[in-house]
Every structure is written in structure tokens, then in C-alpha cells.
N, C-alpha and C. Protein backbone atom coordinates (compact mmCIF):
# COMPACT_ATOMS: atom_id res chain seq x y z
N UNK A 1 0.71 -3.71 -12.22
CA UNK A 1 -0.57 -3.19 -12.66
C UNK A 1 -0.88 -1.91 -11.88
N UNK A 2 -1.38 -0.92 -12.59
CA UNK A 2 -1.66 0.38 -11.99
C UNK A 2 -3.15 0.61 -11.78
N UNK A 3 -3.44 1.50 -10.87
CA UNK A 3 -4.80 1.97 -10.60
C UNK A 3 -4.77 3.49 -10.62
N UNK A 4 -5.85 4.09 -11.10
CA UNK A 4 -5.99 5.55 -11.05
C UNK A 4 -7.12 5.87 -10.07
N UNK A 5 -6.83 6.81 -9.18
CA UNK A 5 -7.80 7.28 -8.20
C UNK A 5 -8.03 8.77 -8.44
N UNK A 6 -9.05 9.32 -7.78
CA UNK A 6 -9.48 10.68 -8.09
C UNK A 6 -9.63 11.51 -6.83
N UNK A 7 -9.22 12.77 -6.96
CA UNK A 7 -9.36 13.73 -5.85
C UNK A 7 -10.04 14.97 -6.40
N UNK A 8 -11.05 15.44 -5.72
CA UNK A 8 -11.72 16.69 -6.08
C UNK A 8 -11.47 17.68 -4.95
N UNK A 9 -11.05 18.87 -5.34
CA UNK A 9 -10.63 19.87 -4.35
C UNK A 9 -10.88 21.27 -4.91
N UNK A 10 -11.03 22.24 -4.04
CA UNK A 10 -11.17 23.63 -4.48
C UNK A 10 -9.94 24.02 -5.29
N UNK A 11 -10.16 24.69 -6.41
CA UNK A 11 -9.07 25.06 -7.31
C UNK A 11 -7.96 25.82 -6.59
N UNK A 12 -8.31 26.65 -5.62
CA UNK A 12 -7.30 27.44 -4.92
C UNK A 12 -6.34 26.56 -4.11
N UNK A 13 -6.72 25.31 -3.85
CA UNK A 13 -5.85 24.39 -3.09
C UNK A 13 -5.22 23.31 -3.97
N UNK A 14 -5.40 23.42 -5.29
CA UNK A 14 -4.94 22.36 -6.20
C UNK A 14 -3.44 22.10 -6.10
N UNK A 15 -2.64 23.14 -5.93
CA UNK A 15 -1.19 22.92 -5.89
C UNK A 15 -0.76 22.13 -4.65
N UNK A 16 -1.58 22.14 -3.61
CA UNK A 16 -1.27 21.40 -2.38
C UNK A 16 -2.17 20.18 -2.19
N UNK A 17 -2.88 19.79 -3.25
CA UNK A 17 -3.88 18.72 -3.13
C UNK A 17 -3.31 17.39 -2.65
N UNK A 18 -2.04 17.16 -2.88
CA UNK A 18 -1.43 15.89 -2.48
C UNK A 18 -0.33 16.09 -1.44
N UNK A 19 -0.49 17.12 -0.62
CA UNK A 19 0.47 17.37 0.46
C UNK A 19 0.04 16.70 1.77
N UNK A 20 -1.26 16.47 1.92
CA UNK A 20 -1.78 15.93 3.17
C UNK A 20 -2.10 17.01 4.19
N UNK A 21 -1.77 18.25 3.87
CA UNK A 21 -1.98 19.35 4.82
C UNK A 21 -3.46 19.62 5.10
N UNK A 22 -4.31 19.42 4.08
CA UNK A 22 -5.74 19.66 4.29
C UNK A 22 -6.31 18.77 5.39
N UNK A 23 -6.04 17.47 5.28
CA UNK A 23 -6.54 16.54 6.30
C UNK A 23 -5.85 16.75 7.64
N UNK A 24 -4.61 17.18 7.60
CA UNK A 24 -3.89 17.46 8.85
C UNK A 24 -4.58 18.57 9.63
N UNK A 25 -5.04 19.60 8.91
CA UNK A 25 -5.70 20.74 9.55
C UNK A 25 -7.19 20.52 9.77
N UNK A 26 -7.81 19.75 8.88
CA UNK A 26 -9.25 19.50 8.95
C UNK A 26 -9.48 17.99 8.90
N UNK A 27 -9.47 17.34 10.04
CA UNK A 27 -9.54 15.89 10.08
C UNK A 27 -10.77 15.32 9.39
N UNK A 28 -10.63 14.10 8.91
CA UNK A 28 -11.72 13.41 8.23
C UNK A 28 -12.10 12.14 8.96
N UNK A 29 -12.81 11.28 8.28
CA UNK A 29 -13.28 10.03 8.88
C UNK A 29 -12.12 9.14 9.33
N UNK A 30 -11.00 9.21 8.63
CA UNK A 30 -9.91 8.26 8.90
C UNK A 30 -8.68 8.89 9.51
N UNK A 31 -8.75 10.14 9.94
CA UNK A 31 -7.58 10.75 10.60
C UNK A 31 -7.99 11.82 11.60
N UNK A 32 -7.14 11.95 12.62
CA UNK A 32 -7.32 13.00 13.62
C UNK A 32 -6.55 14.24 13.19
N UNK A 33 -6.83 15.35 13.84
CA UNK A 33 -6.09 16.59 13.62
C UNK A 33 -4.60 16.30 13.82
N UNK A 34 -3.79 16.76 12.89
CA UNK A 34 -2.34 16.58 12.99
C UNK A 34 -1.78 15.45 12.16
N UNK A 35 -2.65 14.57 11.62
CA UNK A 35 -2.18 13.46 10.80
C UNK A 35 -2.35 13.80 9.33
N UNK A 36 -1.25 13.78 8.58
CA UNK A 36 -1.31 14.04 7.15
C UNK A 36 -1.88 12.82 6.42
N UNK A 37 -2.81 13.09 5.51
CA UNK A 37 -3.44 12.03 4.76
C UNK A 37 -4.11 12.66 3.55
N UNK A 38 -4.18 11.92 2.46
CA UNK A 38 -4.82 12.41 1.25
C UNK A 38 -5.98 11.48 0.92
N UNK A 39 -7.16 12.03 0.84
CA UNK A 39 -8.36 11.26 0.56
C UNK A 39 -8.62 11.25 -0.95
N UNK A 40 -8.74 10.06 -1.52
CA UNK A 40 -9.07 9.90 -2.94
C UNK A 40 -10.15 8.83 -3.07
N UNK A 41 -10.75 8.75 -4.25
CA UNK A 41 -11.84 7.79 -4.49
C UNK A 41 -11.53 6.93 -5.70
N UNK A 42 -12.18 5.77 -5.77
CA UNK A 42 -11.93 4.83 -6.86
C UNK A 42 -12.44 5.32 -8.20
N UNK A 43 -13.37 6.27 -8.20
CA UNK A 43 -13.89 6.81 -9.45
C UNK A 43 -14.15 8.30 -9.28
N UNK A 44 -14.21 8.98 -10.39
CA UNK A 44 -14.50 10.41 -10.34
C UNK A 44 -15.91 10.65 -9.79
N UNK A 45 -16.84 9.76 -10.14
CA UNK A 45 -18.21 9.94 -9.65
C UNK A 45 -18.30 9.74 -8.14
N UNK A 46 -17.56 8.77 -7.58
CA UNK A 46 -17.56 8.61 -6.13
C UNK A 46 -16.89 9.81 -5.46
N UNK A 47 -15.83 10.31 -6.06
CA UNK A 47 -15.17 11.50 -5.51
C UNK A 47 -16.15 12.67 -5.46
N UNK A 48 -16.98 12.79 -6.50
CA UNK A 48 -17.98 13.86 -6.53
C UNK A 48 -19.03 13.67 -5.43
N UNK A 49 -19.50 12.45 -5.26
CA UNK A 49 -20.48 12.20 -4.19
C UNK A 49 -19.88 12.50 -2.82
N UNK A 50 -18.62 12.14 -2.62
CA UNK A 50 -17.95 12.41 -1.34
C UNK A 50 -17.88 13.91 -1.07
N UNK A 51 -17.67 14.69 -2.12
CA UNK A 51 -17.60 16.15 -1.97
C UNK A 51 -19.00 16.73 -1.74
N UNK A 52 -19.99 16.25 -2.50
CA UNK A 52 -21.35 16.77 -2.38
C UNK A 52 -21.86 16.68 -0.95
N UNK A 53 -21.57 15.58 -0.27
CA UNK A 53 -22.08 15.43 1.10
C UNK A 53 -21.32 16.31 2.09
N UNK A 54 -20.23 16.93 1.65
CA UNK A 54 -19.41 17.72 2.57
C UNK A 54 -19.36 19.21 2.27
N UNK A 55 -19.96 19.66 1.17
CA UNK A 55 -19.96 21.10 0.89
C UNK A 55 -21.31 21.69 1.30
N UNK A 56 -21.30 22.96 1.72
CA UNK A 56 -22.55 23.57 2.17
C UNK A 56 -23.59 23.77 1.07
N UNK A 57 -23.13 23.99 -0.16
CA UNK A 57 -24.09 24.19 -1.25
C UNK A 57 -23.44 23.85 -2.59
N UNK A 58 -24.29 23.63 -3.56
CA UNK A 58 -23.85 23.28 -4.91
C UNK A 58 -22.92 24.34 -5.50
N UNK A 59 -23.18 25.59 -5.22
CA UNK A 59 -22.37 26.66 -5.84
C UNK A 59 -20.89 26.55 -5.46
N UNK A 60 -20.60 25.94 -4.31
CA UNK A 60 -19.20 25.75 -3.93
C UNK A 60 -18.46 24.81 -4.88
N UNK A 61 -19.20 23.91 -5.51
CA UNK A 61 -18.58 22.93 -6.42
C UNK A 61 -18.04 23.58 -7.69
N UNK A 62 -18.57 24.73 -8.04
CA UNK A 62 -18.16 25.39 -9.29
C UNK A 62 -16.70 25.82 -9.26
N UNK A 63 -16.12 25.88 -8.08
CA UNK A 63 -14.72 26.31 -7.96
C UNK A 63 -13.78 25.13 -7.74
N UNK A 64 -14.26 23.92 -7.96
CA UNK A 64 -13.45 22.72 -7.71
C UNK A 64 -12.84 22.17 -9.00
N UNK A 65 -11.75 21.44 -8.80
CA UNK A 65 -11.08 20.74 -9.90
C UNK A 65 -10.95 19.27 -9.53
N UNK A 66 -10.73 18.45 -10.55
CA UNK A 66 -10.52 17.02 -10.32
C UNK A 66 -9.08 16.69 -10.72
N UNK A 67 -8.44 15.86 -9.90
CA UNK A 67 -7.03 15.51 -10.14
C UNK A 67 -6.89 13.99 -10.03
N UNK A 68 -6.37 13.35 -11.10
CA UNK A 68 -6.12 11.91 -11.01
C UNK A 68 -4.76 11.62 -10.39
N UNK A 69 -4.63 10.46 -9.80
CA UNK A 69 -3.34 9.98 -9.30
C UNK A 69 -3.25 8.50 -9.65
N UNK A 70 -2.12 8.09 -10.17
CA UNK A 70 -1.93 6.71 -10.61
C UNK A 70 -0.77 6.09 -9.87
N UNK A 71 -0.95 4.83 -9.46
CA UNK A 71 0.11 4.13 -8.74
C UNK A 71 -0.06 2.62 -8.89
N UNK A 72 0.99 1.91 -8.55
CA UNK A 72 1.00 0.45 -8.61
C UNK A 72 0.08 -0.10 -7.52
N UNK A 73 -0.70 -1.12 -7.86
CA UNK A 73 -1.61 -1.70 -6.87
C UNK A 73 -0.84 -2.36 -5.72
N UNK A 74 0.44 -2.61 -5.93
CA UNK A 74 1.27 -3.18 -4.85
C UNK A 74 1.41 -2.21 -3.68
N UNK A 75 1.13 -0.93 -3.91
CA UNK A 75 1.23 0.08 -2.85
C UNK A 75 0.04 0.02 -1.88
N UNK A 76 -1.00 -0.73 -2.24
CA UNK A 76 -2.27 -0.72 -1.50
C UNK A 76 -2.33 -1.81 -0.42
N UNK A 77 -2.76 -1.39 0.76
CA UNK A 77 -3.15 -2.33 1.81
C UNK A 77 -4.66 -2.20 1.95
N UNK A 78 -5.41 -3.28 1.71
CA UNK A 78 -6.86 -3.19 1.92
C UNK A 78 -7.19 -3.32 3.40
N UNK A 79 -8.11 -2.51 3.87
CA UNK A 79 -8.55 -2.62 5.25
C UNK A 79 -9.44 -3.86 5.35
N UNK A 80 -9.08 -4.75 6.22
CA UNK A 80 -9.85 -5.97 6.43
C UNK A 80 -11.24 -5.59 6.96
N UNK A 81 -12.32 -5.96 6.24
CA UNK A 81 -13.67 -5.59 6.69
C UNK A 81 -13.98 -6.04 8.12
N UNK A 82 -13.34 -7.10 8.57
CA UNK A 82 -13.59 -7.57 9.95
C UNK A 82 -13.01 -6.60 10.98
N UNK A 83 -12.13 -5.70 10.54
CA UNK A 83 -11.55 -4.69 11.44
C UNK A 83 -12.40 -3.43 11.53
N UNK A 84 -13.44 -3.34 10.71
CA UNK A 84 -14.29 -2.16 10.75
C UNK A 84 -15.09 -2.15 12.05
N UNK A 85 -15.02 -1.06 12.79
CA UNK A 85 -15.83 -0.98 14.01
C UNK A 85 -17.32 -0.90 13.66
N UNK A 86 -18.16 -1.29 14.57
CA UNK A 86 -19.60 -1.28 14.30
C UNK A 86 -20.14 0.12 14.01
N UNK A 87 -19.45 1.13 14.49
CA UNK A 87 -19.91 2.52 14.30
C UNK A 87 -19.26 3.23 13.11
N UNK A 88 -18.60 2.51 12.23
CA UNK A 88 -17.79 3.15 11.18
C UNK A 88 -18.61 4.02 10.24
N UNK A 89 -19.90 3.75 10.09
CA UNK A 89 -20.76 4.55 9.21
C UNK A 89 -21.40 5.75 9.91
N UNK A 90 -21.20 5.86 11.21
CA UNK A 90 -21.88 6.89 11.99
C UNK A 90 -21.47 8.31 11.62
N UNK A 91 -22.42 9.21 11.80
CA UNK A 91 -22.17 10.65 11.72
C UNK A 91 -22.80 11.28 12.94
N UNK A 92 -22.08 12.08 13.68
CA UNK A 92 -20.72 12.54 13.39
C UNK A 92 -19.71 11.38 13.41
N UNK A 93 -18.57 11.70 12.84
CA UNK A 93 -17.50 10.72 12.68
C UNK A 93 -17.06 10.18 14.04
N UNK A 94 -17.00 8.86 14.17
CA UNK A 94 -16.58 8.28 15.45
C UNK A 94 -15.05 8.27 15.59
N UNK A 95 -14.55 8.30 16.81
CA UNK A 95 -13.11 8.23 17.03
C UNK A 95 -12.51 6.90 16.56
N UNK A 96 -13.32 5.85 16.50
CA UNK A 96 -12.80 4.52 16.14
C UNK A 96 -12.17 4.48 14.75
N UNK A 97 -12.78 5.13 13.77
CA UNK A 97 -12.22 5.11 12.42
C UNK A 97 -10.96 5.98 12.34
N UNK A 98 -10.96 7.05 13.09
CA UNK A 98 -9.77 7.92 13.11
C UNK A 98 -8.58 7.19 13.73
N UNK A 99 -8.84 6.36 14.72
CA UNK A 99 -7.74 5.58 15.32
C UNK A 99 -7.15 4.61 14.30
N UNK A 100 -8.02 3.99 13.50
CA UNK A 100 -7.55 3.04 12.47
C UNK A 100 -6.65 3.75 11.47
N UNK A 101 -7.13 4.87 10.93
CA UNK A 101 -6.36 5.62 9.94
C UNK A 101 -5.06 6.17 10.49
N UNK A 102 -5.11 6.70 11.70
CA UNK A 102 -3.90 7.24 12.32
C UNK A 102 -2.87 6.14 12.56
N UNK A 103 -3.32 4.98 13.02
CA UNK A 103 -2.40 3.87 13.27
C UNK A 103 -1.74 3.42 11.97
N UNK A 104 -2.53 3.36 10.89
CA UNK A 104 -1.97 2.98 9.60
C UNK A 104 -0.93 4.01 9.15
N UNK A 105 -1.28 5.30 9.20
CA UNK A 105 -0.35 6.35 8.76
C UNK A 105 0.93 6.32 9.58
N UNK A 106 0.80 6.18 10.88
CA UNK A 106 1.97 6.17 11.76
C UNK A 106 2.85 4.96 11.50
N UNK A 107 2.25 3.82 11.18
CA UNK A 107 3.03 2.59 10.95
C UNK A 107 3.83 2.66 9.66
N UNK A 108 3.38 3.47 8.71
CA UNK A 108 4.01 3.60 7.40
C UNK A 108 4.15 2.23 6.73
N UNK A 109 3.17 1.36 6.97
CA UNK A 109 3.22 0.00 6.42
C UNK A 109 2.93 -0.06 4.92
N UNK A 110 2.26 0.96 4.40
CA UNK A 110 2.00 1.04 2.96
C UNK A 110 1.75 2.50 2.59
N UNK A 111 1.84 2.77 1.30
CA UNK A 111 1.60 4.14 0.83
C UNK A 111 0.11 4.44 0.72
N UNK A 112 -0.70 3.39 0.57
CA UNK A 112 -2.13 3.57 0.32
C UNK A 112 -2.94 2.58 1.15
N UNK A 113 -4.01 3.07 1.76
CA UNK A 113 -4.94 2.22 2.49
C UNK A 113 -6.29 2.28 1.78
N UNK A 114 -6.81 1.12 1.41
CA UNK A 114 -8.12 1.02 0.76
C UNK A 114 -9.18 0.84 1.84
N UNK A 115 -10.14 1.76 1.87
CA UNK A 115 -11.22 1.72 2.87
C UNK A 115 -12.57 1.85 2.15
N UNK A 116 -13.63 1.33 2.74
CA UNK A 116 -14.94 1.50 2.11
C UNK A 116 -15.43 2.94 2.26
N UNK A 117 -16.18 3.38 1.27
CA UNK A 117 -16.81 4.70 1.32
C UNK A 117 -18.02 4.63 2.24
N UNK A 118 -18.25 5.67 3.02
CA UNK A 118 -19.48 5.71 3.82
C UNK A 118 -20.65 6.21 2.97
N UNK A 119 -20.36 6.86 1.87
CA UNK A 119 -21.42 7.35 0.99
C UNK A 119 -21.98 6.20 0.15
N UNK A 120 -21.08 5.36 -0.36
CA UNK A 120 -21.45 4.16 -1.12
C UNK A 120 -20.59 3.02 -0.57
N UNK A 121 -21.04 2.34 0.47
CA UNK A 121 -20.20 1.36 1.17
C UNK A 121 -19.68 0.19 0.33
N UNK A 122 -20.27 -0.03 -0.85
CA UNK A 122 -19.77 -1.10 -1.72
C UNK A 122 -18.65 -0.62 -2.63
N UNK A 123 -18.29 0.66 -2.52
CA UNK A 123 -17.18 1.22 -3.30
C UNK A 123 -16.08 1.67 -2.34
N UNK A 124 -14.93 1.99 -2.91
CA UNK A 124 -13.75 2.26 -2.07
C UNK A 124 -13.17 3.65 -2.23
N UNK A 125 -12.62 4.12 -1.13
CA UNK A 125 -11.77 5.29 -1.11
C UNK A 125 -10.35 4.81 -0.85
N UNK A 126 -9.40 5.60 -1.29
CA UNK A 126 -7.99 5.26 -1.11
C UNK A 126 -7.31 6.40 -0.36
N UNK A 127 -6.82 6.08 0.81
CA UNK A 127 -6.10 7.05 1.63
C UNK A 127 -4.63 6.95 1.27
N UNK A 128 -4.01 8.08 0.98
CA UNK A 128 -2.60 8.10 0.59
C UNK A 128 -1.79 8.74 1.71
N UNK A 129 -0.69 8.09 2.05
CA UNK A 129 0.21 8.60 3.09
C UNK A 129 1.36 9.34 2.42
N UNK A 130 1.37 10.68 2.48
CA UNK A 130 2.42 11.45 1.81
C UNK A 130 3.79 11.29 2.46
N UNK A 131 3.84 10.73 3.66
CA UNK A 131 5.11 10.52 4.35
C UNK A 131 5.74 9.17 4.01
N UNK A 132 5.04 8.33 3.26
CA UNK A 132 5.56 7.00 2.94
C UNK A 132 6.65 7.10 1.86
N UNK A 133 7.62 6.22 1.92
CA UNK A 133 8.75 6.25 0.97
C UNK A 133 8.30 6.00 -0.48
N UNK A 134 7.19 5.32 -0.71
CA UNK A 134 6.71 5.08 -2.07
C UNK A 134 5.88 6.24 -2.63
N UNK A 135 5.60 7.24 -1.80
CA UNK A 135 4.76 8.34 -2.26
C UNK A 135 5.34 9.02 -3.50
N UNK A 136 6.65 9.11 -3.59
CA UNK A 136 7.29 9.78 -4.73
C UNK A 136 7.03 9.04 -6.05
N UNK A 137 6.61 7.79 -5.97
CA UNK A 137 6.33 7.01 -7.18
C UNK A 137 4.88 7.15 -7.65
N UNK A 138 4.09 7.86 -6.89
CA UNK A 138 2.69 8.09 -7.28
C UNK A 138 2.68 9.22 -8.31
N UNK A 139 2.06 8.95 -9.45
CA UNK A 139 2.01 9.92 -10.54
C UNK A 139 0.75 10.77 -10.39
N UNK A 140 0.96 12.03 -10.11
CA UNK A 140 -0.16 12.95 -9.91
C UNK A 140 -0.43 13.69 -11.21
N UNK A 141 -1.65 13.60 -11.70
CA UNK A 141 -2.03 14.23 -12.95
C UNK A 141 -2.29 15.72 -12.79
N UNK A 142 -2.62 16.33 -13.90
CA UNK A 142 -2.91 17.77 -13.90
C UNK A 142 -4.37 18.01 -13.51
N UNK A 143 -4.60 19.07 -12.75
CA UNK A 143 -5.99 19.41 -12.41
C UNK A 143 -6.76 19.84 -13.65
N UNK A 144 -8.01 19.49 -13.69
CA UNK A 144 -8.89 19.98 -14.75
C UNK A 144 -10.22 20.37 -14.13
N UNK A 145 -10.92 21.24 -14.81
CA UNK A 145 -12.20 21.70 -14.30
C UNK A 145 -13.15 20.55 -14.03
N UNK A 146 -13.93 20.67 -13.01
CA UNK A 146 -14.90 19.66 -12.64
C UNK A 146 -16.17 19.88 -13.47
N UNK A 147 -16.55 18.88 -14.24
CA UNK A 147 -17.79 18.98 -15.00
C UNK A 147 -18.96 18.70 -14.07
N UNK A 148 -19.94 19.58 -14.10
CA UNK A 148 -21.14 19.40 -13.30
C UNK A 148 -22.36 19.43 -14.21
N UNK A 149 -23.09 18.36 -14.24
CA UNK A 149 -24.30 18.28 -15.04
C UNK A 149 -25.25 19.39 -14.59
N UNK A 150 -25.78 20.17 -15.53
CA UNK A 150 -26.65 21.29 -15.16
C UNK A 150 -27.93 20.88 -14.43
N UNK A 151 -28.29 19.60 -14.46
CA UNK A 151 -29.48 19.13 -13.74
C UNK A 151 -29.22 18.94 -12.25
N UNK A 152 -27.96 18.89 -11.85
CA UNK A 152 -27.63 18.61 -10.45
C UNK A 152 -28.18 19.62 -9.44
N UNK A 153 -28.08 20.93 -9.69
CA UNK A 153 -28.55 21.87 -8.66
C UNK A 153 -29.99 21.62 -8.23
N UNK A 154 -30.87 21.40 -9.20
CA UNK A 154 -32.28 21.16 -8.87
C UNK A 154 -32.43 19.85 -8.10
N UNK A 155 -31.72 18.84 -8.50
CA UNK A 155 -31.81 17.53 -7.83
C UNK A 155 -31.26 17.61 -6.40
N UNK A 156 -30.22 18.38 -6.22
CA UNK A 156 -29.62 18.49 -4.89
C UNK A 156 -30.52 19.27 -3.93
N UNK A 157 -31.41 20.08 -4.47
CA UNK A 157 -32.34 20.84 -3.62
C UNK A 157 -33.63 20.06 -3.36
N UNK A 158 -33.77 18.90 -3.99
CA UNK A 158 -34.99 18.10 -3.82
C UNK A 158 -35.15 17.66 -2.37
N UNK A 159 -36.39 17.47 -1.99
CA UNK A 159 -36.67 17.03 -0.62
C UNK A 159 -36.17 15.60 -0.42
N UNK A 160 -35.83 15.31 0.81
CA UNK A 160 -35.36 13.96 1.14
C UNK A 160 -36.48 12.96 0.91
N UNK A 161 -36.13 11.73 0.51
CA UNK A 161 -37.18 10.70 0.28
C UNK A 161 -37.89 10.32 1.57
């Protein structure tokens, strides 16, 4: 059985979207500088929310594309919720989550690690290890323009509740 995950990235980086180089140079919640990793989300809408919280302004989203990736669910290792450190939701990003992701990537125990999203903790992100032997079996789709509802800019500028 297969699953499709989603990655949203600036169009100028689309050809390297699944190289892991972005996370290697710009660490995220689940990796330190120097660790290759590809961040994807369980749905296109979650991928968009993950990007919205990380871009400086809405106008930056206009240059992004969405790319699907499909793979066998057998490639996935779910992160045991009991292994989540108490600070996993913290911002700035705590070293504890980076240690978990780095240890998983280094172990090469699976091609994909399923982790909860900090934006929507009841949904999942999928970290892909481009150095894993099963990575070549992941089917990467073609990039397409990111659709943005024209109501979003005004909503994103709204005051915090």
C-alpha cells in the first residue's frame, strides 16, 4: 500500500527539492546543520501551513511549487509518541528534536520517519532520508504551481486572536 506526501518549495529549488541539501544547510526541527533530510507533509494543506509559519510574508509563497512523493508505507517508521521530549513543540527549536532526527538519519533504519507536526500536532510530517537504500524507490512527482486562495493575504495579516 502506498502513501503520497507533499513538499512545497521555492520554484528555483524544485530540481533539488528531494536532495536533502536544503535541510543540510538550513536545519529544521528534526535535524542539525550537516544532516540531509527532506521534510514533507501528509497533505498539501498541512504542507502549506508548515510553509506559512516559516516564510516572512505571503508574497514569498507566490514563487513556490508543490511536489508529491509516493512510496510504500513499509518504508515508514513512526516516531513513538512516548519518545517525544517535553519541549518538542517549543520555539525556538530545541536541540532534543534535532537529536532524535539526526539519530534516525544516521542509523539508516528506514527511509521515512513519521513525526507529528508542530503546527497541527494531530497531523503528521514525513521526514525522508535521501541516503537510505530505499530512497530510489520513492516516486517523486512533477512540480506544479501552488494554488493560493486570494482571500489568504488579508487573513494572514489579521491580528492575532
